PDB file of N, CA and C in Angstrom:
ATOM      1  N   MET A   1     125.398-134.878   9.699  1.00  0.00           N
ATOM      2  CA  MET A   1     126.557-135.629   9.062  1.00  0.00           C
ATOM      3  C   MET A   1     126.250-135.793   7.615  1.00  0.00           C
ATOM      4  N   LEU A   2     125.111-136.233   7.205  1.00  0.00           N
ATOM      5  CA  LEU A   2     124.756-136.391   5.878  1.00  0.00           C
ATOM      6  C   LEU A   2     123.700-135.516   5.280  1.00  0.00           C
ATOM      7  N   THR A   3     123.285-134.553   6.015  1.00  0.00           N
ATOM      8  CA  THR A   3     122.255-133.608   5.717  1.00  0.00           C
ATOM      9  C   THR A   3     122.469-133.055   4.348  1.00  0.00           C
ATOM     10  N   GLY A   4     121.450-133.322   3.502  1.00  0.00           N
ATOM     11  CA  GLY A   4     121.518-132.789   2.079  1.00  0.00           C
ATOM     12  C   GLY A   4     122.350-133.504   1.148  1.00  0.00           C
ATOM     13  N   GLN A   5     123.129-134.473   1.617  1.00  0.00           N
ATOM     14  CA  GLN A   5     124.089-135.158   0.670  1.00  0.00           C
ATOM     15  C   GLN A   5     123.380-136.260  -0.080  1.00  0.00           C
ATOM     16  N   THR A   6     123.968-136.585  -1.264  1.00  0.00           N
ATOM     17  CA  THR A   6     123.421-137.701  -2.070  1.00  0.00           C
ATOM     18  C   THR A   6     124.384-138.866  -1.998  1.00  0.00           C
ATOM     19  N   VAL A   7     123.851-140.057  -1.644  1.00  0.00           N
ATOM     20  CA  VAL A   7     124.730-141.203  -1.515  1.00  0.00           C
ATOM     21  C   VAL A   7     124.282-142.273  -2.542  1.00  0.00           C
ATOM     22  N   LEU A   8     125.260-142.948  -3.173  1.00  0.00           N
ATOM     23  CA  LEU A   8     125.082-144.072  -4.056  1.00  0.00           C
ATOM     24  C   LEU A   8     125.260-145.329  -3.242  1.00  0.00           C
ATOM     25  N   ILE A   9     124.216-146.196  -3.327  1.00  0.00           N
ATOM     26  CA  ILE A   9     124.377-147.574  -2.655  1.00  0.00           C
ATOM     27  C   ILE A   9     124.385-148.555  -3.892  1.00  0.00           C
ATOM     28  N   VAL A  10     125.484-149.281  -3.982  1.00  0.00           N
ATOM     29  CA  VAL A  10     125.531-150.432  -4.927  1.00  0.00           C
ATOM     30  C   VAL A  10     125.514-151.665  -4.142  1.00  0.00           C
ATOM     31  N   GLU A  11     124.359-152.406  -4.291  1.00  0.00           N
ATOM     32  CA  GLU A  11     124.138-153.613  -3.529  1.00  0.00           C
ATOM     33  C   GLU A  11     123.148-154.454  -4.198  1.00  0.00           C
ATOM     34  N   GLU A  12     123.572-155.748  -4.434  1.00  0.00           N
ATOM     35  CA  GLU A  12     122.756-156.646  -5.178  1.00  0.00           C
ATOM     36  C   GLU A  12     121.576-157.115  -4.321  1.00  0.00           C
ATOM     37  N   GLU A  13     121.732-157.286  -3.003  1.00  0.00           N
ATOM     38  CA  GLU A  13     120.708-157.780  -2.042  1.00  0.00           C
ATOM     39  C   GLU A  13     119.724-156.640  -1.783  1.00  0.00           C
ATOM     40  N   PHE A  14     118.523-156.761  -2.170  1.00  0.00           N
ATOM     41  CA  PHE A  14     117.565-155.619  -2.025  1.00  0.00           C
ATOM     42  C   PHE A  14     117.338-155.345  -0.555  1.00  0.00           C
ATOM     43  N   LEU A  15     117.229-156.311   0.344  1.00  0.00           N
ATOM     44  CA  LEU A  15     116.966-156.047   1.770  1.00  0.00           C
ATOM     45  C   LEU A  15     118.116-155.412   2.433  1.00  0.00           C
ATOM     46  N   ILE A  16     119.352-155.709   1.996  1.00  0.00           N
ATOM     47  CA  ILE A  16     120.527-155.067   2.572  1.00  0.00           C
ATOM     48  C   ILE A  16     120.599-153.610   2.088  1.00  0.00           C
ATOM     49  N   ALA A  17     120.268-153.399   0.854  1.00  0.00           N
ATOM     50  CA  ALA A  17     120.176-151.996   0.321  1.00  0.00           C
ATOM     51  C   ALA A  17     119.217-151.178   1.080  1.00  0.00           C
ATOM     52  N   LEU A  18     118.082-151.767   1.346  1.00  0.00           N
ATOM     53  CA  LEU A  18     117.070-150.959   2.151  1.00  0.00           C
ATOM     54  C   LEU A  18     117.490-150.704   3.549  1.00  0.00           C
ATOM     55  N   ASP A  19     118.170-151.564   4.139  1.00  0.00           N
ATOM     56  CA  ASP A  19     118.749-151.466   5.509  1.00  0.00           C
ATOM     57  C   ASP A  19     119.743-150.331   5.471  1.00  0.00           C
ATOM     58  N   ILE A  20     120.597-150.303   4.548  1.00  0.00           N
ATOM     59  CA  ILE A  20     121.698-149.221   4.391  1.00  0.00           C
ATOM     60  C   ILE A  20     120.918-147.935   4.211  1.00  0.00           C
ATOM     61  N   GLN A  21     119.952-147.900   3.364  1.00  0.00           N
ATOM     62  CA  GLN A  21     119.169-146.736   3.094  1.00  0.00           C
ATOM     63  C   GLN A  21     118.529-146.168   4.395  1.00  0.00           C
ATOM     64  N   ARG A  22     117.954-147.066   5.148  1.00  0.00           N
ATOM     65  CA  ARG A  22     117.293-146.709   6.433  1.00  0.00           C
ATOM     66  C   ARG A  22     118.300-146.011   7.436  1.00  0.00           C
ATOM     67  N   VAL A  23     119.513-146.567   7.495  1.00  0.00           N
ATOM     68  CA  VAL A  23     120.544-146.066   8.315  1.00  0.00           C
ATOM     69  C   VAL A  23     120.899-144.564   7.775  1.00  0.00           C
ATOM     70  N   LEU A  24     120.976-144.411   6.471  1.00  0.00           N
ATOM     71  CA  LEU A  24     121.348-143.183   5.971  1.00  0.00           C
ATOM     72  C   LEU A  24     120.290-142.125   6.181  1.00  0.00           C
ATOM     73  N   GLU A  25     119.016-142.542   6.097  1.00  0.00           N
ATOM     74  CA  GLU A  25     117.875-141.676   6.250  1.00  0.00           C
ATOM     75  C   GLU A  25     117.839-141.233   7.681  1.00  0.00           C
ATOM     76  N   ASP A  26     118.133-142.134   8.626  1.00  0.00           N
ATOM     77  CA  ASP A  26     118.166-141.858  10.080  1.00  0.00           C
ATOM     78  C   ASP A  26     119.145-140.745  10.323  1.00  0.00           C
ATOM     79  N   ARG A  27     120.130-140.543   9.391  1.00  0.00           N
ATOM     80  CA  ARG A  27     121.136-139.526   9.561  1.00  0.00           C
ATOM     81  C   ARG A  27     120.871-138.336   8.627  1.00  0.00           C
ATOM     82  N   ASN A  28     119.649-138.200   8.230  1.00  0.00           N
ATOM     83  CA  ASN A  28     119.242-137.081   7.346  1.00  0.00           C
ATOM     84  C   ASN A  28     119.858-136.948   6.001  1.00  0.00           C
ATOM     85  N   VAL A  29     120.190-138.124   5.407  1.00  0.00           N
ATOM     86  CA  VAL A  29     120.680-137.949   3.987  1.00  0.00           C
ATOM     87  C   VAL A  29     119.714-137.314   3.082  1.00  0.00           C
ATOM     88  N   GLY A  30     120.243-136.532   2.138  1.00  0.00           N
ATOM     89  CA  GLY A  30     119.365-135.823   1.200  1.00  0.00           C
ATOM     90  C   GLY A  30     118.698-136.810   0.258  1.00  0.00           C
ATOM     91  N   GLN A  31     119.510-137.675  -0.327  1.00  0.00           N
ATOM     92  CA  GLN A  31     118.915-138.599  -1.358  1.00  0.00           C
ATOM     93  C   GLN A  31     119.807-139.773  -1.319  1.00  0.00           C
ATOM     94  N   CYS A  32     119.158-141.026  -1.507  1.00  0.00           N
ATOM     95  CA  CYS A  32     119.853-142.347  -1.733  1.00  0.00           C
ATOM     96  C   CYS A  32     119.504-142.657  -3.228  1.00  0.00           C
ATOM     97  N   VAL A  33     120.527-143.036  -3.937  1.00  0.00           N
ATOM     98  CA  VAL A  33     120.377-143.599  -5.261  1.00  0.00           C
ATOM     99  C   VAL A  33     120.873-145.100  -5.160  1.00  0.00           C
ATOM    100  N   CYS A  34     120.043-146.017  -5.513  1.00  0.00           N
ATOM    101  CA  CYS A  34     120.444-147.464  -5.410  1.00  0.00           C
ATOM    102  C   CYS A  34     120.672-148.049  -6.809  1.00  0.00           C
ATOM    103  N   ALA A  35     121.833-148.779  -6.831  1.00  0.00           N
ATOM    104  CA  ALA A  35     122.091-149.552  -8.054  1.00  0.00           C
ATOM    105  C   ALA A  35     122.181-151.007  -7.678  1.00  0.00           C
ATOM    106  N   ARG A  36     121.517-151.902  -8.390  1.00  0.00           N
ATOM    107  CA  ARG A  36     121.485-153.281  -7.951  1.00  0.00           C
ATOM    108  C   ARG A  36     122.670-154.118  -8.479  1.00  0.00           C
ATOM    109  N   SER A  37     123.564-153.461  -9.317  1.00  0.00           N
ATOM    110  CA  SER A  37     124.683-154.201  -9.841  1.00  0.00           C
ATOM    111  C   SER A  37     125.783-153.172 -10.224  1.00  0.00           C
ATOM    112  N   VAL A  38     126.957-153.665 -10.299  1.00  0.00           N
ATOM    113  CA  VAL A  38     128.062-152.802 -10.814  1.00  0.00           C
ATOM    114  C   VAL A  38     127.759-152.176 -12.151  1.00  0.00           C
ATOM    115  N   ALA A  39     127.201-152.971 -13.041  1.00  0.00           N
ATOM    116  CA  ALA A  39     126.856-152.497 -14.329  1.00  0.00           C
ATOM    117  C   ALA A  39     125.848-151.278 -14.257  1.00  0.00           C
ATOM    118  N   GLU A  40     124.935-151.383 -13.460  1.00  0.00           N
ATOM    119  CA  GLU A  40     123.903-150.355 -13.258  1.00  0.00           C
ATOM    120  C   GLU A  40     124.609-149.115 -12.564  1.00  0.00           C
ATOM    121  N   ALA A  41     125.552-149.302 -11.724  1.00  0.00           N
ATOM    122  CA  ALA A  41     126.213-148.152 -11.140  1.00  0.00           C
ATOM    123  C   ALA A  41     127.109-147.493 -12.207  1.00  0.00           C
ATOM    124  N   LEU A  42     127.770-148.304 -13.023  1.00  0.00           N
ATOM    125  CA  LEU A  42     128.557-147.742 -14.059  1.00  0.00           C
ATOM    126  C   LEU A  42     127.721-146.977 -15.169  1.00  0.00           C
ATOM    127  N   SER A  43     126.474-147.368 -15.320  1.00  0.00           N
ATOM    128  CA  SER A  43     125.645-146.715 -16.254  1.00  0.00           C
ATOM    129  C   SER A  43     125.208-145.383 -15.723  1.00  0.00           C
ATOM    130  N   LEU A  44     125.295-145.109 -14.480  1.00  0.00           N
ATOM    131  CA  LEU A  44     124.882-143.853 -13.769  1.00  0.00           C
ATOM    132  C   LEU A  44     126.064-142.832 -13.784  1.00  0.00           C
ATOM    133  N   ARG A  45     127.174-143.162 -14.488  1.00  0.00           N
ATOM    134  CA  ARG A  45     128.280-142.399 -14.407  1.00  0.00           C
ATOM    135  C   ARG A  45     128.089-140.864 -14.599  1.00  0.00           C
ATOM    136  N   GLU A  46     127.115-140.488 -15.491  1.00  0.00           N
ATOM    137  CA  GLU A  46     126.924-138.994 -15.667  1.00  0.00           C
ATOM    138  C   GLU A  46     126.400-138.393 -14.406  1.00  0.00           C
ATOM    139  N   ARG A  47     125.806-139.095 -13.535  1.00  0.00           N
ATOM    140  CA  ARG A  47     125.243-138.623 -12.204  1.00  0.00           C
ATOM    141  C   ARG A  47     126.363-138.602 -11.080  1.00  0.00           C
ATOM    142  N   TRP A  48     127.469-139.231 -11.312  1.00  0.00           N
ATOM    143  CA  TRP A  48     128.443-139.238 -10.165  1.00  0.00           C
ATOM    144  C   TRP A  48     128.859-137.968  -9.632  1.00  0.00           C
ATOM    145  N   PRO A  49     128.931-136.904 -10.376  1.00  0.00           N
ATOM    146  CA  PRO A  49     129.254-135.567  -9.699  1.00  0.00           C
ATOM    147  C   PRO A  49     128.233-135.149  -8.592  1.00  0.00           C
ATOM    148  N   ASP A  50     127.014-135.806  -8.645  1.00  0.00           N
ATOM    149  CA  ASP A  50     126.035-135.437  -7.586  1.00  0.00           C
ATOM    150  C   ASP A  50     126.319-136.210  -6.243  1.00  0.00           C
ATOM    151  N   TYR A  51     127.151-137.281  -6.306  1.00  0.00           N
ATOM    152  CA  TYR A  51     127.385-138.090  -5.024  1.00  0.00           C
ATOM    153  C   TYR A  51     128.494-137.632  -4.213  1.00  0.00           C
ATOM    154  N   GLN A  52     128.216-137.559  -2.917  1.00  0.00           N
ATOM    155  CA  GLN A  52     129.332-137.260  -2.066  1.00  0.00           C
ATOM    156  C   GLN A  52     129.840-138.604  -1.376  1.00  0.00           C
ATOM    157  N   LEU A  53     129.134-139.655  -1.396  1.00  0.00           N
ATOM    158  CA  LEU A  53     129.517-140.887  -0.738  1.00  0.00           C
ATOM    159  C   LEU A  53     128.976-142.027  -1.560  1.00  0.00           C
ATOM    160  N   ALA A  54     129.719-143.179  -1.650  1.00  0.00           N
ATOM    161  CA  ALA A  54     129.259-144.343  -2.309  1.00  0.00           C
ATOM    162  C   ALA A  54     129.475-145.506  -1.407  1.00  0.00           C
ATOM    163  N   ILE A  55     128.538-146.334  -1.119  1.00  0.00           N
ATOM    164  CA  ILE A  55     128.652-147.609  -0.413  1.00  0.00           C
ATOM    165  C   ILE A  55     128.403-148.623  -1.341  1.00  0.00           C
ATOM    166  N   VAL A  56     129.585-149.375  -1.653  1.00  0.00           N
ATOM    167  CA  VAL A  56     129.704-150.278  -2.760  1.00  0.00           C
ATOM    168  C   VAL A  56     129.948-151.676  -2.206  1.00  0.00           C
ATOM    169  N   GLU A  57     129.062-152.694  -2.677  1.00  0.00           N
ATOM    170  CA  GLU A  57     129.337-154.027  -2.416  1.00  0.00           C
ATOM    171  C   GLU A  57     130.481-154.470  -3.429  1.00  0.00           C
ATOM    172  N   PHE A  58     131.580-155.003  -2.838  1.00  0.00           N
ATOM    173  CA  PHE A  58     132.663-155.461  -3.750  1.00  0.00           C
ATOM    174  C   PHE A  58     132.606-157.000  -3.816  1.00  0.00           C
ATOM    175  N   ARG A  59     132.616-157.550  -5.035  1.00  0.00           N
ATOM    176  CA  ARG A  59     132.735-158.893  -5.186  1.00  0.00           C
ATOM    177  C   ARG A  59     133.932-159.158  -6.236  1.00  0.00           C
ATOM    178  N   ALA A  60     134.849-159.956  -5.838  1.00  0.00           N
ATOM    179  CA  ALA A  60     135.984-160.151  -6.620  1.00  0.00           C
ATOM    180  C   ALA A  60     135.607-160.908  -7.982  1.00  0.00           C
ATOM    181  N   ASP A  61     134.533-161.653  -7.955  1.00  0.00           N
ATOM    182  CA  ASP A  61     134.178-162.335  -9.183  1.00  0.00           C
ATOM    183  C   ASP A  61     133.457-161.486 -10.176  1.00  0.00           C
ATOM    184  N   GLN A  62     133.331-160.117  -9.910  1.00  0.00           N
ATOM    185  CA  GLN A  62     132.752-159.249 -10.908  1.00  0.00           C
ATOM    186  C   GLN A  62     133.874-158.294 -11.439  1.00  0.00           C
ATOM    187  N   PRO A  63     134.423-158.606 -12.616  1.00  0.00           N
ATOM    188  CA  PRO A  63     135.522-157.832 -13.149  1.00  0.00           C
ATOM    189  C   PRO A  63     135.382-156.346 -13.209  1.00  0.00           C
ATOM    190  N   ASP A  64     134.107-155.877 -13.389  1.00  0.00           N
ATOM    191  CA  ASP A  64     133.844-154.459 -13.461  1.00  0.00           C
ATOM    192  C   ASP A  64     133.921-153.788 -12.050  1.00  0.00           C
ATOM    193  N   SER A  65     133.996-154.502 -11.031  1.00  0.00           N
ATOM    194  CA  SER A  65     134.118-153.943  -9.672  1.00  0.00           C
ATOM    195  C   SER A  65     135.204-153.007  -9.489  1.00  0.00           C
ATOM    196  N   ILE A  66     136.387-153.403 -10.007  1.00  0.00           N
ATOM    197  CA  ILE A  66     137.593-152.572  -9.877  1.00  0.00           C
ATOM    198  C   ILE A  66     137.455-151.273 -10.694  1.00  0.00           C
ATOM    199  N   GLU A  67     136.799-151.477 -11.858  1.00  0.00           N
ATOM    200  CA  GLU A  67     136.634-150.254 -12.751  1.00  0.00           C
ATOM    201  C   GLU A  67     135.666-149.222 -12.002  1.00  0.00           C
ATOM    202  N   LEU A  68     134.694-149.747 -11.276  1.00  0.00           N
ATOM    203  CA  LEU A  68     133.748-148.981 -10.570  1.00  0.00           C
ATOM    204  C   LEU A  68     134.475-148.254  -9.445  1.00  0.00           C
ATOM    205  N   LEU A  69     135.188-148.935  -8.680  1.00  0.00           N
ATOM    206  CA  LEU A  69     135.939-148.388  -7.551  1.00  0.00           C
ATOM    207  C   LEU A  69     136.958-147.312  -8.072  1.00  0.00           C
ATOM    208  N   ARG A  70     137.692-147.564  -9.091  1.00  0.00           N
ATOM    209  CA  ARG A  70     138.604-146.583  -9.649  1.00  0.00           C
ATOM    210  C   ARG A  70     137.908-145.347 -10.131  1.00  0.00           C
ATOM    211  N   GLY A  71     136.842-145.631 -10.805  1.00  0.00           N
ATOM    212  CA  GLY A  71     136.033-144.476 -11.367  1.00  0.00           C
ATOM    213  C   GLY A  71     135.414-143.561 -10.280  1.00  0.00           C
ATOM    214  N   LEU A  72     134.943-144.127  -9.243  1.00  0.00           N
ATOM    215  CA  LEU A  72     134.318-143.378  -8.180  1.00  0.00           C
ATOM    216  C   LEU A  72     135.408-142.603  -7.444  1.00  0.00           C
ATOM    217  N   THR A  73     136.561-143.280  -7.230  1.00  0.00           N
ATOM    218  CA  THR A  73     137.694-142.678  -6.544  1.00  0.00           C
ATOM    219  C   THR A  73     138.260-141.477  -7.366  1.00  0.00           C
ATOM    220  N   ALA A  74     138.404-141.669  -8.632  1.00  0.00           N
ATOM    221  CA  ALA A  74     138.888-140.645  -9.600  1.00  0.00           C
ATOM    222  C   ALA A  74     137.901-139.392  -9.576  1.00  0.00           C
ATOM    223  N   ALA A  75     136.539-139.726  -9.355  1.00  0.00           N
ATOM    224  CA  ALA A  75     135.578-138.646  -9.376  1.00  0.00           C
ATOM    225  C   ALA A  75     135.534-137.953  -8.088  1.00  0.00           C
ATOM    226  N   GLY A  76     136.416-138.277  -7.107  1.00  0.00           N
ATOM    227  CA  GLY A  76     136.468-137.639  -5.808  1.00  0.00           C
ATOM    228  C   GLY A  76     135.272-138.031  -4.853  1.00  0.00           C
ATOM    229  N   ILE A  77     134.679-139.175  -5.119  1.00  0.00           N
ATOM    230  CA  ILE A  77     133.657-139.703  -4.223  1.00  0.00           C
ATOM    231  C   ILE A  77     134.189-140.500  -3.125  1.00  0.00           C
ATOM    232  N   ARG A  78     133.840-140.242  -1.912  1.00  0.00           N
ATOM    233  CA  ARG A  78     134.284-141.034  -0.806  1.00  0.00           C
ATOM    234  C   ARG A  78     133.609-142.340  -0.830  1.00  0.00           C
ATOM    235  N   LEU A  79     134.248-143.400  -0.426  1.00  0.00           N
ATOM    236  CA  LEU A  79     133.859-144.776  -0.531  1.00  0.00           C
ATOM    237  C   LEU A  79     133.771-145.516   0.776  1.00  0.00           C
ATOM    238  N   ILE A  80     132.808-146.384   0.852  1.00  0.00           N
ATOM    239  CA  ILE A  80     132.682-147.485   1.863  1.00  0.00           C
ATOM    240  C   ILE A  80     132.584-148.768   1.083  1.00  0.00           C
ATOM    241  N   ILE A  81     133.311-149.697   1.337  1.00  0.00           N
ATOM    242  CA  ILE A  81     133.222-151.073   0.693  1.00  0.00           C
ATOM    243  C   ILE A  81     132.531-152.041   1.634  1.00  0.00           C
ATOM    244  N   THR A  82     131.518-152.713   1.059  1.00  0.00           N
ATOM    245  CA  THR A  82     130.957-153.913   1.839  1.00  0.00           C
ATOM    246  C   THR A  82     131.314-155.138   0.962  1.00  0.00           C
ATOM    247  N   THR A  83     131.535-156.163   1.772  1.00  0.00           N
ATOM    248  CA  THR A  83     131.896-157.438   1.087  1.00  0.00           C
ATOM    249  C   THR A  83     131.506-158.639   1.970  1.00  0.00           C
ATOM    250  N   ALA A  84     131.414-159.767   1.312  1.00  0.00           N
ATOM    251  CA  ALA A  84     131.285-161.087   2.113  1.00  0.00           C
ATOM    252  C   ALA A  84     132.645-161.701   2.178  1.00  0.00           C
ATOM    253  N   ASP A  85     133.650-161.164   1.591  1.00  0.00           N
ATOM    254  CA  ASP A  85     134.950-161.786   1.498  1.00  0.00           C
ATOM    255  C   ASP A  85     135.795-161.321   2.711  1.00  0.00           C
ATOM    256  N   HIS A  86     136.044-162.182   3.620  1.00  0.00           N
ATOM    257  CA  HIS A  86     136.704-161.916   4.846  1.00  0.00           C
ATOM    258  C   HIS A  86     138.237-161.548   4.552  1.00  0.00           C
ATOM    259  N   ALA A  87     138.692-161.996   3.451  1.00  0.00           N
ATOM    260  CA  ALA A  87     140.097-161.747   3.069  1.00  0.00           C
ATOM    261  C   ALA A  87     140.369-160.243   2.751  1.00  0.00           C
ATOM    262  N   LEU A  88     139.280-159.541   2.498  1.00  0.00           N
ATOM    263  CA  LEU A  88     139.379-158.079   2.065  1.00  0.00           C
ATOM    264  C   LEU A  88     139.387-157.156   3.294  1.00  0.00           C
ATOM    265  N   HIS A  89     139.260-157.648   4.534  1.00  0.00           N
ATOM    266  CA  HIS A  89     139.137-156.805   5.696  1.00  0.00           C
ATOM    267  C   HIS A  89     140.215-155.812   5.880  1.00  0.00           C
ATOM    268  N   ALA A  90     141.470-156.127   5.291  1.00  0.00           N
ATOM    269  CA  ALA A  90     142.632-155.197   5.419  1.00  0.00           C
ATOM    270  C   ALA A  90     142.627-154.110   4.420  1.00  0.00           C
ATOM    271  N   GLY A  91     141.656-154.230   3.457  1.00  0.00           N
ATOM    272  CA  GLY A  91     141.605-153.043   2.400  1.00  0.00           C
ATOM    273  C   GLY A  91     141.843-153.489   1.039  1.00  0.00           C
ATOM    274  N   LEU A  92     141.639-152.545   0.151  1.00  0.00           N
ATOM    275  CA  LEU A  92     141.733-152.874  -1.311  1.00  0.00           C
ATOM    276  C   LEU A  92     142.770-151.773  -1.802  1.00  0.00           C
ATOM    277  N   THR A  93     143.702-152.194  -2.663  1.00  0.00           N
ATOM    278  CA  THR A  93     144.622-151.228  -3.247  1.00  0.00           C
ATOM    279  C   THR A  93     143.956-150.266  -4.157  1.00  0.00           C
ATOM    280  N   ASP A  94     142.835-150.702  -4.721  1.00  0.00           N
ATOM    281  CA  ASP A  94     142.144-149.794  -5.749  1.00  0.00           C
ATOM    282  C   ASP A  94     141.143-148.911  -5.039  1.00  0.00           C
ATOM    283  N   ALA A  95     141.092-148.904  -3.710  1.00  0.00           N
ATOM    284  CA  ALA A  95     140.283-147.905  -2.909  1.00  0.00           C
ATOM    285  C   ALA A  95     141.038-147.761  -1.679  1.00  0.00           C
ATOM    286  N   PRO A  96     142.215-147.066  -1.692  1.00  0.00           N
ATOM    287  CA  PRO A  96     143.115-146.893  -0.527  1.00  0.00           C
ATOM    288  C   PRO A  96     142.292-146.042   0.423  1.00  0.00           C
ATOM    289  N   GLY A  97     142.329-146.457   1.800  1.00  0.00           N
ATOM    290  CA  GLY A  97     141.727-145.701   2.807  1.00  0.00           C
ATOM    291  C   GLY A  97     140.274-145.852   2.990  1.00  0.00           C
ATOM    292  N   ALA A  98     139.587-146.525   1.956  1.00  0.00           N
ATOM    293  CA  ALA A  98     138.193-146.720   2.118  1.00  0.00           C
ATOM    294  C   ALA A  98     137.899-147.755   3.216  1.00  0.00           C
ATOM    295  N   PRO A  99     136.952-147.372   4.142  1.00  0.00           N
ATOM    296  CA  PRO A  99     136.604-148.384   5.219  1.00  0.00           C
ATOM    297  C   PRO A  99     135.922-149.644   4.536  1.00  0.00           C
ATOM    298  N   ILE A 100     136.281-150.766   5.071  1.00  0.00           N
ATOM    299  CA  ILE A 100     135.781-152.119   4.578  1.00  0.00           C
ATOM    300  C   ILE A 100     134.905-152.718   5.659  1.00  0.00           C
ATOM    301  N   LEU A 101     133.731-152.984   5.271  1.00  0.00           N
ATOM    302  CA  LEU A 101     132.739-153.663   6.254  1.00  0.00           C
ATOM    303  C   LEU A 101     132.513-155.105   5.684  1.00  0.00           C
ATOM    304  N   VAL A 102     132.792-156.102   6.463  1.00  0.00           N
ATOM    305  CA  VAL A 102     132.591-157.437   6.040  1.00  0.00           C
ATOM    306  C   VAL A 102     131.232-157.854   6.533  1.00  0.00           C
ATOM    307  N   LYS A 103     130.381-158.384   5.689  1.00  0.00           N
ATOM    308  CA  LYS A 103     129.016-158.813   5.979  1.00  0.00           C
ATOM    309  C   LYS A 103     128.978-160.089   6.762  1.00  0.00           C
ATOM    310  N   PRO A 104     128.046-160.142   7.646  1.00  0.00           N
ATOM    311  CA  PRO A 104     127.068-159.124   8.085  1.00  0.00           C
ATOM    312  C   PRO A 104     127.763-158.261   9.074  1.00  0.00           C
ATOM    313  N   PHE A 105     127.363-156.912   8.941  1.00  0.00           N
ATOM    314  CA  PHE A 105     128.015-155.885   9.811  1.00  0.00           C
ATOM    315  C   PHE A 105     126.896-155.207  10.673  1.00  0.00           C
ATOM    316  N   PRO A 106     127.231-154.882  11.913  1.00  0.00           N
ATOM    317  CA  PRO A 106     126.283-154.209  12.683  1.00  0.00           C
ATOM    318  C   PRO A 106     126.064-152.728  12.248  1.00  0.00           C
ATOM    319  N   GLU A 107     124.926-152.199  12.529  1.00  0.00           N
ATOM    320  CA  GLU A 107     124.606-150.757  12.200  1.00  0.00           C
ATOM    321  C   GLU A 107     125.644-149.843  12.687  1.00  0.00           C
ATOM    322  N   ALA A 108     126.140-150.082  13.910  1.00  0.00           N
ATOM    323  CA  ALA A 108     127.157-149.182  14.562  1.00  0.00           C
ATOM    324  C   ALA A 108     128.380-149.135  13.710  1.00  0.00           C
ATOM    325  N   ASP A 109     128.765-150.256  13.093  1.00  0.00           N
ATOM    326  CA  ASP A 109     129.983-150.276  12.273  1.00  0.00           C
ATOM    327  C   ASP A 109     129.749-149.431  10.893  1.00  0.00           C
ATOM    328  N   LEU A 110     128.469-149.523  10.409  1.00  0.00           N
ATOM    329  CA  LEU A 110     128.267-148.730   9.207  1.00  0.00           C
ATOM    330  C   LEU A 110     128.322-147.250   9.589  1.00  0.00           C
ATOM    331  N   VAL A 111     127.681-146.886  10.696  1.00  0.00           N
ATOM    332  CA  VAL A 111     127.734-145.421  11.070  1.00  0.00           C
ATOM    333  C   VAL A 111     129.199-144.959  11.322  1.00  0.00           C
ATOM    334  N   SER A 112     130.008-145.812  11.910  1.00  0.00           N
ATOM    335  CA  SER A 112     131.401-145.429  12.204  1.00  0.00           C
ATOM    336  C   SER A 112     132.166-145.352  10.838  1.00  0.00           C
ATOM    337  N   ALA A 113     131.856-146.216   9.877  1.00  0.00           N
ATOM    338  CA  ALA A 113     132.444-146.103   8.536  1.00  0.00           C
ATOM    339  C   ALA A 113     132.051-144.805   7.835  1.00  0.00           C
ATOM    340  N   ILE A 114     130.775-144.478   7.939  1.00  0.00           N
ATOM    341  CA  ILE A 114     130.281-143.229   7.312  1.00  0.00           C
ATOM    342  C   ILE A 114     131.072-141.988   7.866  1.00  0.00           C
ATOM    343  N   THR A 115     131.105-141.964   9.230  1.00  0.00           N
ATOM    344  CA  THR A 115     131.933-140.861   9.833  1.00  0.00           C
ATOM    345  C   THR A 115     133.331-140.866   9.334  1.00  0.00           C
ATOM    346  N   LEU A 116     134.020-141.955   9.308  1.00  0.00           N
ATOM    347  CA  LEU A 116     135.404-142.018   8.836  1.00  0.00           C
ATOM    348  C   LEU A 116     135.481-141.599   7.438  1.00  0.00           C
ATOM    349  N   ALA A 117     134.647-142.100   6.631  1.00  0.00           N
ATOM    350  CA  ALA A 117     134.713-141.727   5.145  1.00  0.00           C
ATOM    351  C   ALA A 117     134.490-140.231   4.970  1.00  0.00           C
ATOM    352  N   LEU A 118     133.530-139.698   5.621  1.00  0.00           N
ATOM    353  CA  LEU A 118     133.297-138.229   5.398  1.00  0.00           C
ATOM    354  C   LEU A 118     134.271-137.334   6.074  1.00  0.00           C
ATOM    355  N   THR A 119     134.989-137.777   7.013  1.00  0.00           N
ATOM    356  CA  THR A 119     136.129-136.954   7.680  1.00  0.00           C
ATOM    357  C   THR A 119     137.495-137.071   7.122  1.00  0.00           C
ATOM    358  N   GLN A 120     137.656-138.186   6.325  1.00  0.00           N
ATOM    359  CA  GLN A 120     138.980-138.373   5.665  1.00  0.00           C
ATOM    360  C   GLN A 120     139.238-137.226   4.687  1.00  0.00           C
ATOM    361  N   SER A 121     140.399-136.762   4.534  1.00  0.00           N
ATOM    362  CA  SER A 121     140.698-135.768   3.452  1.00  0.00           C
ATOM    363  C   SER A 121     140.498-136.395   2.120  1.00  0.00           C
ATOM    364  N   ALA A 122     139.967-135.656   1.197  1.00  0.00           N
ATOM    365  CA  ALA A 122     139.664-136.087  -0.088  1.00  0.00           C
ATOM    366  C   ALA A 122     140.845-136.253  -0.913  1.00  0.00           C
TER     367      ALA A 122
END
């Protein structure tokens, strides 16, 4: 499913990022690139063409979050959104169709979201 693909993980919590990375590695991901903040992910913009999937922690209190989601979507990168905000479970207008995982989420839900994101038409 992820063999040889490069995935961007945007997650402030180091242990959560490591857990996501482990799940991806268990599915033969080619490479994981981790950004600890939205600003760091935005600074990696020149590398975005290398990413097939981005798993992005969304926090409404970070104004650049919407810019990041719009930029990744415009670049054709498939998205999975993680959030602690239960109100976002229905989706985000700035990332239409992107699976939303409300923290804490079980590994099986992450795997399902990866499958959904990778099988949706671009």
